[in-house]
Each structure stands twice: as structure tokens, then as C-alpha cells.
Amino acid sequence: MPAAALHLELVFSRPETTLAVTRGAARLMADMGYAPLLEVCLPNGRRADVMALGPKGDIVICEVKSGIDDYRVDRKWREYGPFCDAFYFAVAPEFPEGVLPEEPGLIVADGFGGAVVREAAATPLAPARRKALTLAFARLGALRTLRA
């Protein structure tokens, strides 16, 4: 078969895409000096795909979207704002960026890392909420370490 006629396209399933984007977003957070945890339950019952604690105590949440359908059926992303200083969507490189709202930050990631394409707006948490979230985050991290 001539080289020009050969066309390879990698197609990943939704779970594979979710895993890759989650891993890349977490690695990016670590590269930026944050300590990430995956699948963190929030006080409102929602689950953050990636929650990261920064060196100055700031809290970032990344909501992973595996594709357009995942974004369109999931409208709970606004419920994460009260529990973080900055909120990002994390998507695969092939995700069409124009579909997402402009308010949140945007991370493009794959299984090896990621890049911040659009910075998230800073919305500082109230001190009491920051303390409660930071303590819960630390406890969760410590308990997960014991289970590993």
C-alpha cells in the first residue's frame, strides 16, 4: 500500500479518553506545584475529577470532559465554584474548544501531561471554607496513602 494511501486514526473509547485527560491534568497540576487528588467528594455531594492544593493554599478543581456529549449532558459544573479558587475544564486535544463556555479556565491534556490554554478566573474562597476544605483534602490524601 502506498504511503499516501495509508491513513491511521487513533480512536479511543470514552473511558480511555477520560483516564488519559485526568492523568494529564493531574500531571500538569503537579508540574505547576499543586498536589492533586482524583475523584474528591465535595460537601455538596458532587465529585471533582481532579482537585489540587497549591503551595499557597489555593484550591483548583478540574472537571474532565471526554467529549462533546459528556459536556452537553453534564450541567453540574457551576456547582464546583463554591469549593475552589479556580475552576478548569480539562479536555483532550481533539475536543472542539468553541463548545465550552469562556468563564472557566481550559486545560488541554493527554495521558502524558497538559497545558493551560485559558487561565481560570480567580475567585478566592472565604477563609473558613478554605480551612474546612484544606483539612478534608489533607485527611483524604492521608487515608488514601494508608490504603495504597
N, C-alpha and C. Protein backbone atom coordinates (compact mmCIF):
# COMPACT_ATOMS: atom_id res chain seq x y z
N MET A 1 0.86 -1.17 0.00
CA MET A 1 0.00 0.00 0.00
C MET A 1 0.90 1.23 0.00
N PRO A 2 0.66 2.19 -0.91
CA PRO A 2 1.47 3.41 -0.94
C PRO A 2 1.31 4.20 0.35
N ALA A 3 2.38 4.87 0.76
CA ALA A 3 2.36 5.65 2.00
C ALA A 3 1.28 6.71 1.98
N ALA A 4 1.01 7.31 0.83
CA ALA A 4 -0.01 8.36 0.74
C ALA A 4 -1.41 7.80 0.98
N ALA A 5 -1.62 6.53 0.70
CA ALA A 5 -2.94 5.93 0.87
C ALA A 5 -3.16 5.43 2.29
N LEU A 6 -2.12 5.33 3.05
CA LEU A 6 -2.22 4.83 4.41
C LEU A 6 -2.66 5.95 5.35
N HIS A 7 -3.76 5.72 6.01
CA HIS A 7 -4.26 6.73 6.95
C HIS A 7 -4.60 6.01 8.25
N LEU A 8 -3.90 6.34 9.29
CA LEU A 8 -4.17 5.76 10.60
C LEU A 8 -4.82 6.80 11.49
N GLU A 9 -5.85 6.39 12.15
CA GLU A 9 -6.52 7.29 13.09
C GLU A 9 -6.69 6.54 14.39
N LEU A 10 -6.21 7.13 15.45
CA LEU A 10 -6.38 6.53 16.77
C LEU A 10 -7.73 6.93 17.32
N VAL A 11 -8.51 5.96 17.67
CA VAL A 11 -9.82 6.21 18.25
C VAL A 11 -9.83 5.62 19.65
N PHE A 12 -10.08 6.45 20.62
CA PHE A 12 -10.13 6.00 22.00
C PHE A 12 -11.56 5.98 22.47
N SER A 13 -11.86 5.04 23.32
CA SER A 13 -13.20 5.00 23.91
C SER A 13 -13.32 6.12 24.94
N ARG A 14 -14.52 6.38 25.34
CA ARG A 14 -14.75 7.43 26.33
C ARG A 14 -14.01 7.16 27.64
N PRO A 15 -14.04 5.93 28.20
CA PRO A 15 -13.29 5.70 29.43
C PRO A 15 -11.78 5.90 29.24
N GLU A 16 -11.24 5.49 28.10
CA GLU A 16 -9.81 5.68 27.85
C GLU A 16 -9.47 7.17 27.76
N THR A 17 -10.34 7.92 27.09
CA THR A 17 -10.12 9.37 26.97
C THR A 17 -10.20 10.02 28.33
N THR A 18 -11.20 9.66 29.12
CA THR A 18 -11.35 10.22 30.46
C THR A 18 -10.11 9.94 31.30
N LEU A 19 -9.64 8.71 31.27
CA LEU A 19 -8.46 8.34 32.04
C LEU A 19 -7.24 9.13 31.59
N ALA A 20 -7.04 9.24 30.29
CA ALA A 20 -5.87 9.96 29.76
C ALA A 20 -5.92 11.44 30.13
N VAL A 21 -7.07 12.07 29.95
CA VAL A 21 -7.19 13.50 30.25
C VAL A 21 -7.04 13.74 31.76
N THR A 22 -7.62 12.88 32.57
CA THR A 22 -7.49 13.00 34.03
C THR A 22 -6.03 12.89 34.44
N ARG A 23 -5.35 11.89 33.91
CA ARG A 23 -3.92 11.69 34.22
C ARG A 23 -3.11 12.91 33.79
N GLY A 24 -3.35 13.40 32.58
CA GLY A 24 -2.60 14.55 32.08
C GLY A 24 -2.85 15.81 32.88
N ALA A 25 -4.12 16.04 33.25
CA ALA A 25 -4.45 17.22 34.06
C ALA A 25 -3.80 17.14 35.44
N ALA A 26 -3.80 15.95 36.04
CA ALA A 26 -3.16 15.78 37.35
C ALA A 26 -1.65 15.99 37.25
N ARG A 27 -1.05 15.48 36.19
CA ARG A 27 0.40 15.69 36.00
C ARG A 27 0.71 17.17 35.78
N LEU A 28 -0.14 17.85 35.04
CA LEU A 28 0.06 19.29 34.84
C LEU A 28 -0.02 20.02 36.18
N MET A 29 -1.02 19.68 36.98
CA MET A 29 -1.15 20.32 38.29
C MET A 29 0.12 20.10 39.12
N ALA A 30 0.63 18.87 39.12
CA ALA A 30 1.86 18.57 39.87
C ALA A 30 3.03 19.38 39.31
N ASP A 31 3.13 19.48 38.00
CA ASP A 31 4.19 20.27 37.38
C ASP A 31 4.11 21.75 37.76
N MET A 32 2.90 22.21 38.03
CA MET A 32 2.68 23.61 38.41
C MET A 32 2.84 23.83 39.91
N GLY A 33 3.21 22.79 40.66
CA GLY A 33 3.44 22.92 42.10
C GLY A 33 2.23 22.59 42.96
N TYR A 34 1.18 22.05 42.36
CA TYR A 34 -0.02 21.67 43.10
C TYR A 34 0.05 20.20 43.48
N ALA A 35 -0.67 19.84 44.53
CA ALA A 35 -0.79 18.44 44.95
C ALA A 35 -2.19 17.96 44.56
N PRO A 36 -2.31 17.16 43.51
CA PRO A 36 -3.63 16.74 43.04
C PRO A 36 -4.13 15.45 43.69
N LEU A 37 -5.43 15.39 43.87
CA LEU A 37 -6.13 14.16 44.24
C LEU A 37 -7.23 13.96 43.20
N LEU A 38 -7.51 12.70 42.89
CA LEU A 38 -8.55 12.38 41.91
C LEU A 38 -9.83 11.96 42.60
N GLU A 39 -10.94 12.28 41.96
CA GLU A 39 -12.26 11.87 42.44
C GLU A 39 -12.49 12.23 43.90
N VAL A 40 -12.59 13.51 44.15
CA VAL A 40 -12.77 14.03 45.51
C VAL A 40 -14.23 14.42 45.71
N CYS A 41 -14.86 13.83 46.72
CA CYS A 41 -16.25 14.19 47.04
C CYS A 41 -16.27 15.54 47.73
N LEU A 42 -17.17 16.39 47.29
CA LEU A 42 -17.31 17.73 47.85
C LEU A 42 -18.47 17.77 48.84
N PRO A 43 -18.52 18.78 49.70
CA PRO A 43 -19.60 18.87 50.68
C PRO A 43 -21.01 18.91 50.08
N ASN A 44 -21.15 19.33 48.83
CA ASN A 44 -22.48 19.38 48.20
C ASN A 44 -22.85 18.06 47.53
N GLY A 45 -22.05 17.03 47.71
CA GLY A 45 -22.35 15.72 47.13
C GLY A 45 -21.77 15.51 45.74
N ARG A 46 -21.25 16.53 45.12
CA ARG A 46 -20.63 16.39 43.80
C ARG A 46 -19.24 15.79 43.96
N ARG A 47 -18.69 15.30 42.85
CA ARG A 47 -17.37 14.69 42.86
C ARG A 47 -16.49 15.42 41.87
N ALA A 48 -15.39 15.98 42.36
CA ALA A 48 -14.44 16.67 41.50
C ALA A 48 -13.52 15.63 40.87
N ASP A 49 -13.34 15.70 39.55
CA ASP A 49 -12.46 14.75 38.86
C ASP A 49 -11.02 14.93 39.33
N VAL A 50 -10.56 16.17 39.39
CA VAL A 50 -9.22 16.49 39.91
C VAL A 50 -9.38 17.70 40.83
N MET A 51 -8.87 17.56 42.04
CA MET A 51 -8.83 18.68 42.97
C MET A 51 -7.39 18.81 43.41
N ALA A 52 -6.87 20.02 43.38
CA ALA A 52 -5.45 20.20 43.68
C ALA A 52 -5.25 21.35 44.67
N LEU A 53 -4.31 21.13 45.58
CA LEU A 53 -3.97 22.11 46.61
C LEU A 53 -2.63 22.74 46.23
N GLY A 54 -2.63 24.07 46.14
CA GLY A 54 -1.43 24.80 45.73
C GLY A 54 -0.51 25.09 46.89
N PRO A 55 0.71 25.54 46.58
CA PRO A 55 1.70 25.81 47.62
C PRO A 55 1.30 26.96 48.55
N LYS A 56 0.39 27.81 48.12
CA LYS A 56 -0.07 28.91 48.97
C LYS A 56 -1.45 28.63 49.56
N GLY A 57 -1.90 27.39 49.43
CA GLY A 57 -3.19 27.01 49.99
C GLY A 57 -4.37 27.21 49.06
N ASP A 58 -4.13 27.60 47.81
CA ASP A 58 -5.23 27.78 46.88
C ASP A 58 -5.70 26.42 46.37
N ILE A 59 -6.98 26.35 46.05
CA ILE A 59 -7.60 25.10 45.63
C ILE A 59 -8.12 25.24 44.20
N VAL A 60 -7.74 24.27 43.37
CA VAL A 60 -8.15 24.24 41.98
C VAL A 60 -8.95 22.97 41.73
N ILE A 61 -10.02 23.08 40.96
CA ILE A 61 -10.78 21.91 40.53
C ILE A 61 -10.76 21.86 39.01
N CYS A 62 -10.51 20.65 38.49
CA CYS A 62 -10.57 20.40 37.05
C CYS A 62 -11.69 19.40 36.79
N GLU A 63 -12.61 19.77 35.93
CA GLU A 63 -13.69 18.89 35.50
C GLU A 63 -13.31 18.32 34.14
N VAL A 64 -13.14 17.01 34.07
CA VAL A 64 -12.72 16.35 32.85
C VAL A 64 -13.94 16.09 31.96
N LYS A 65 -13.80 16.44 30.71
CA LYS A 65 -14.84 16.18 29.71
C LYS A 65 -14.23 15.31 28.62
N SER A 66 -14.80 14.11 28.44
CA SER A 66 -14.25 13.16 27.48
C SER A 66 -14.70 13.43 26.06
N GLY A 67 -15.71 14.24 25.90
CA GLY A 67 -16.21 14.55 24.56
C GLY A 67 -17.37 15.53 24.65
N ILE A 68 -17.87 15.91 23.49
CA ILE A 68 -18.97 16.89 23.44
C ILE A 68 -20.21 16.36 24.15
N ASP A 69 -20.54 15.10 23.93
CA ASP A 69 -21.73 14.54 24.58
C ASP A 69 -21.61 14.59 26.09
N ASP A 70 -20.43 14.28 26.60
CA ASP A 70 -20.18 14.34 28.04
C ASP A 70 -20.44 15.75 28.56
N TYR A 71 -19.98 16.75 27.84
CA TYR A 71 -20.20 18.13 28.26
C TYR A 71 -21.68 18.51 28.19
N ARG A 72 -22.35 18.15 27.10
CA ARG A 72 -23.74 18.56 26.89
C ARG A 72 -24.71 17.96 27.90
N VAL A 73 -24.47 16.72 28.36
CA VAL A 73 -25.39 16.09 29.30
C VAL A 73 -25.06 16.43 30.75
N ASP A 74 -23.92 17.03 31.01
CA ASP A 74 -23.48 17.29 32.38
C ASP A 74 -23.44 18.80 32.62
N ARG A 75 -24.46 19.31 33.27
CA ARG A 75 -24.55 20.75 33.52
C ARG A 75 -24.26 21.12 34.96
N LYS A 76 -23.64 20.23 35.71
CA LYS A 76 -23.39 20.50 37.13
C LYS A 76 -22.10 21.27 37.38
N TRP A 77 -21.37 21.63 36.34
CA TRP A 77 -20.05 22.24 36.53
C TRP A 77 -20.09 23.53 37.33
N ARG A 78 -21.18 24.26 37.29
CA ARG A 78 -21.26 25.51 38.07
C ARG A 78 -21.33 25.25 39.58
N GLU A 79 -21.65 24.03 39.96
CA GLU A 79 -21.75 23.69 41.37
C GLU A 79 -20.39 23.45 42.03
N TYR A 80 -19.32 23.49 41.26
CA TYR A 80 -17.97 23.31 41.80
C TYR A 80 -17.38 24.63 42.30
N GLY A 81 -17.80 25.73 41.73
CA GLY A 81 -17.24 27.04 42.04
C GLY A 81 -17.14 27.39 43.51
N PRO A 82 -18.16 27.10 44.32
CA PRO A 82 -18.08 27.45 45.74
C PRO A 82 -17.02 26.68 46.52
N PHE A 83 -16.35 25.72 45.88
CA PHE A 83 -15.39 24.87 46.58
C PHE A 83 -13.97 24.97 46.01
N CYS A 84 -13.72 26.03 45.25
CA CYS A 84 -12.37 26.20 44.71
C CYS A 84 -12.09 27.68 44.43
N ASP A 85 -10.80 27.98 44.34
CA ASP A 85 -10.36 29.33 43.97
C ASP A 85 -10.31 29.51 42.46
N ALA A 86 -10.18 28.39 41.75
CA ALA A 86 -10.12 28.42 40.29
C ALA A 86 -10.70 27.12 39.75
N PHE A 87 -11.46 27.23 38.67
CA PHE A 87 -12.12 26.08 38.06
C PHE A 87 -11.70 25.97 36.59
N TYR A 88 -11.34 24.76 36.19
CA TYR A 88 -10.94 24.48 34.81
C TYR A 88 -11.74 23.32 34.23
N PHE A 89 -11.98 23.38 32.94
CA PHE A 89 -12.35 22.19 32.19
C PHE A 89 -11.05 21.59 31.70
N ALA A 90 -10.95 20.27 31.69
CA ALA A 90 -9.81 19.57 31.12
C ALA A 90 -10.34 18.68 30.01
N VAL A 91 -9.80 18.85 28.81
CA VAL A 91 -10.29 18.14 27.64
C VAL A 91 -9.11 17.57 26.84
N ALA A 92 -9.43 16.62 25.97
CA ALA A 92 -8.43 16.03 25.07
C ALA A 92 -8.11 17.02 23.95
N PRO A 93 -6.96 16.86 23.31
CA PRO A 93 -6.56 17.79 22.24
C PRO A 93 -7.57 17.90 21.10
N GLU A 94 -8.31 16.84 20.82
CA GLU A 94 -9.26 16.87 19.70
C GLU A 94 -10.63 17.47 20.07
N PHE A 95 -10.82 17.83 21.33
CA PHE A 95 -12.09 18.43 21.77
C PHE A 95 -12.24 19.81 21.13
N PRO A 96 -13.39 20.09 20.51
CA PRO A 96 -13.59 21.42 19.90
C PRO A 96 -13.81 22.49 20.98
N GLU A 97 -12.84 23.36 21.16
CA GLU A 97 -12.86 24.34 22.25
C GLU A 97 -14.04 25.31 22.19
N GLY A 98 -14.53 25.61 21.01
CA GLY A 98 -15.62 26.57 20.87
C GLY A 98 -16.91 26.15 21.53
N VAL A 99 -17.02 24.89 21.90
CA VAL A 99 -18.24 24.36 22.54
C VAL A 99 -18.32 24.79 24.00
N LEU A 100 -17.19 24.95 24.64
CA LEU A 100 -17.14 25.23 26.08
C LEU A 100 -17.38 26.71 26.37
N PRO A 101 -17.98 27.01 27.53
CA PRO A 101 -18.15 28.42 27.92
C PRO A 101 -16.79 29.07 28.19
N GLU A 102 -16.75 30.38 28.12
CA GLU A 102 -15.49 31.10 28.27
C GLU A 102 -15.12 31.43 29.72
N GLU A 103 -16.07 31.32 30.65
CA GLU A 103 -15.78 31.70 32.04
C GLU A 103 -14.73 30.80 32.70
N PRO A 104 -14.87 29.47 32.63
CA PRO A 104 -13.87 28.63 33.29
C PRO A 104 -12.54 28.65 32.55
N GLY A 105 -11.49 28.22 33.25
CA GLY A 105 -10.22 28.02 32.59
C GLY A 105 -10.29 26.78 31.72
N LEU A 106 -9.27 26.60 30.89
CA LEU A 106 -9.26 25.45 29.99
C LEU A 106 -7.87 24.81 29.97
N ILE A 107 -7.86 23.51 30.18
CA ILE A 107 -6.65 22.70 30.11
C ILE A 107 -6.85 21.69 28.99
N VAL A 108 -5.87 21.56 28.13
CA VAL A 108 -5.86 20.51 27.12
C VAL A 108 -4.82 19.50 27.57
N ALA A 109 -5.24 18.23 27.69
CA ALA A 109 -4.36 17.21 28.26
C ALA A 109 -4.51 15.88 27.55
N ASP A 110 -3.45 15.09 27.66
CA ASP A 110 -3.47 13.70 27.23
C ASP A 110 -2.84 12.88 28.35
N GLY A 111 -2.54 11.64 28.11
CA GLY A 111 -2.03 10.78 29.16
C GLY A 111 -0.65 11.14 29.68
N PHE A 112 0.02 12.06 29.02
CA PHE A 112 1.40 12.39 29.40
C PHE A 112 1.55 13.74 30.09
N GLY A 113 0.58 14.60 29.96
CA GLY A 113 0.65 15.93 30.56
C GLY A 113 -0.41 16.82 29.96
N GLY A 114 -0.27 18.11 30.18
CA GLY A 114 -1.26 19.04 29.68
C GLY A 114 -0.71 20.44 29.63
N ALA A 115 -1.56 21.33 29.17
CA ALA A 115 -1.20 22.75 29.08
C ALA A 115 -2.43 23.59 29.40
N VAL A 116 -2.20 24.69 30.09
CA VAL A 116 -3.28 25.65 30.34
C VAL A 116 -3.44 26.48 29.08
N VAL A 117 -4.60 26.37 28.46
CA VAL A 117 -4.91 27.12 27.24
C VAL A 117 -5.55 28.45 27.60
N ARG A 118 -6.35 28.43 28.68
CA ARG A 118 -7.01 29.65 29.16
C ARG A 118 -6.99 29.62 30.68
N GLU A 119 -6.47 30.67 31.27
CA GLU A 119 -6.42 30.76 32.73
C GLU A 119 -7.82 30.87 33.31
N ALA A 120 -8.01 30.28 34.47
CA ALA A 120 -9.28 30.39 35.18
C ALA A 120 -9.31 31.70 35.94
N ALA A 121 -10.49 32.24 36.06
CA ALA A 121 -10.67 33.45 36.87
C ALA A 121 -10.47 33.09 38.34
N ALA A 122 -9.78 33.94 39.05
CA ALA A 122 -9.57 33.71 40.48
C ALA A 122 -10.80 34.16 41.26
N THR A 123 -11.35 33.25 42.04
CA THR A 123 -12.49 33.54 42.89
C THR A 123 -12.15 33.02 44.30
N PRO A 124 -11.47 33.84 45.09
CA PRO A 124 -10.97 33.39 46.39
C PRO A 124 -12.06 32.87 47.32
N LEU A 125 -11.76 31.77 47.97
CA LEU A 125 -12.67 31.18 48.94
C LEU A 125 -12.67 31.98 50.24
N ALA A 126 -13.76 31.92 50.95
CA ALA A 126 -13.82 32.50 52.29
C ALA A 126 -12.87 31.71 53.19
N PRO A 127 -12.20 32.37 54.15
CA PRO A 127 -11.22 31.69 55.00
C PRO A 127 -11.75 30.45 55.71
N ALA A 128 -12.95 30.50 56.24
CA ALA A 128 -13.49 29.34 56.96
C ALA A 128 -13.71 28.16 56.02
N ARG A 129 -14.21 28.43 54.83
CA ARG A 129 -14.42 27.35 53.85
C ARG A 129 -13.08 26.80 53.39
N ARG A 130 -12.09 27.67 53.16
CA ARG A 130 -10.76 27.21 52.75
C ARG A 130 -10.17 26.27 53.80
N LYS A 131 -10.30 26.65 55.08
CA LYS A 131 -9.76 25.82 56.15
C LYS A 131 -10.44 24.45 56.16
N ALA A 132 -11.76 24.44 56.08
CA ALA A 132 -12.50 23.18 56.12
C ALA A 132 -12.13 22.29 54.92
N LEU A 133 -12.04 22.88 53.73
CA LEU A 133 -11.68 22.11 52.54
C LEU A 133 -10.24 21.60 52.60
N THR A 134 -9.35 22.43 53.10
CA THR A 134 -7.94 22.04 53.19
C THR A 134 -7.77 20.88 54.18
N LEU A 135 -8.45 20.94 55.32
CA LEU A 135 -8.38 19.84 56.28
C LEU A 135 -8.97 18.56 55.70
N ALA A 136 -10.10 18.67 55.02
CA ALA A 136 -10.71 17.49 54.40
C ALA A 136 -9.81 16.91 53.32
N PHE A 137 -9.18 17.78 52.54
CA PHE A 137 -8.26 17.37 51.49
C PHE A 137 -7.07 16.62 52.09
N ALA A 138 -6.48 17.17 53.14
CA ALA A 138 -5.33 16.54 53.79
C ALA A 138 -5.70 15.18 54.38
N ARG A 139 -6.83 15.11 55.00
CA ARG A 139 -7.28 13.84 55.58
C ARG A 139 -7.51 12.79 54.50
N LEU A 140 -8.14 13.19 53.40
CA LEU A 140 -8.39 12.27 52.30
C LEU A 140 -7.07 11.75 51.73
N GLY A 141 -6.14 12.65 51.51
CA GLY A 141 -4.83 12.24 50.98
C GLY A 141 -4.12 11.27 51.91
N ALA A 142 -4.16 11.55 53.21
CA ALA A 142 -3.51 10.67 54.18
C ALA A 142 -4.18 9.30 54.22
N LEU A 143 -5.51 9.27 54.22
CA LEU A 143 -6.22 7.99 54.24
C LEU A 143 -5.97 7.19 52.97
N ARG A 144 -5.90 7.84 51.83
CA ARG A 144 -5.60 7.15 50.58
C ARG A 144 -4.19 6.58 50.59
N THR A 145 -3.28 7.28 51.23
CA THR A 145 -1.90 6.79 51.32
C THR A 145 -1.86 5.49 52.13
N LEU A 146 -2.63 5.42 53.19
CA LEU A 146 -2.66 4.20 54.01
C LEU A 146 -3.25 3.02 53.23
N ARG A 147 -4.21 3.30 52.38
CA ARG A 147 -4.88 2.23 51.62
C ARG A 147 -4.04 1.74 50.45
N ALA A 148 -3.07 2.55 50.02
CA ALA A 148 -2.27 2.18 48.84
C ALA A 148 -1.30 1.06 49.13
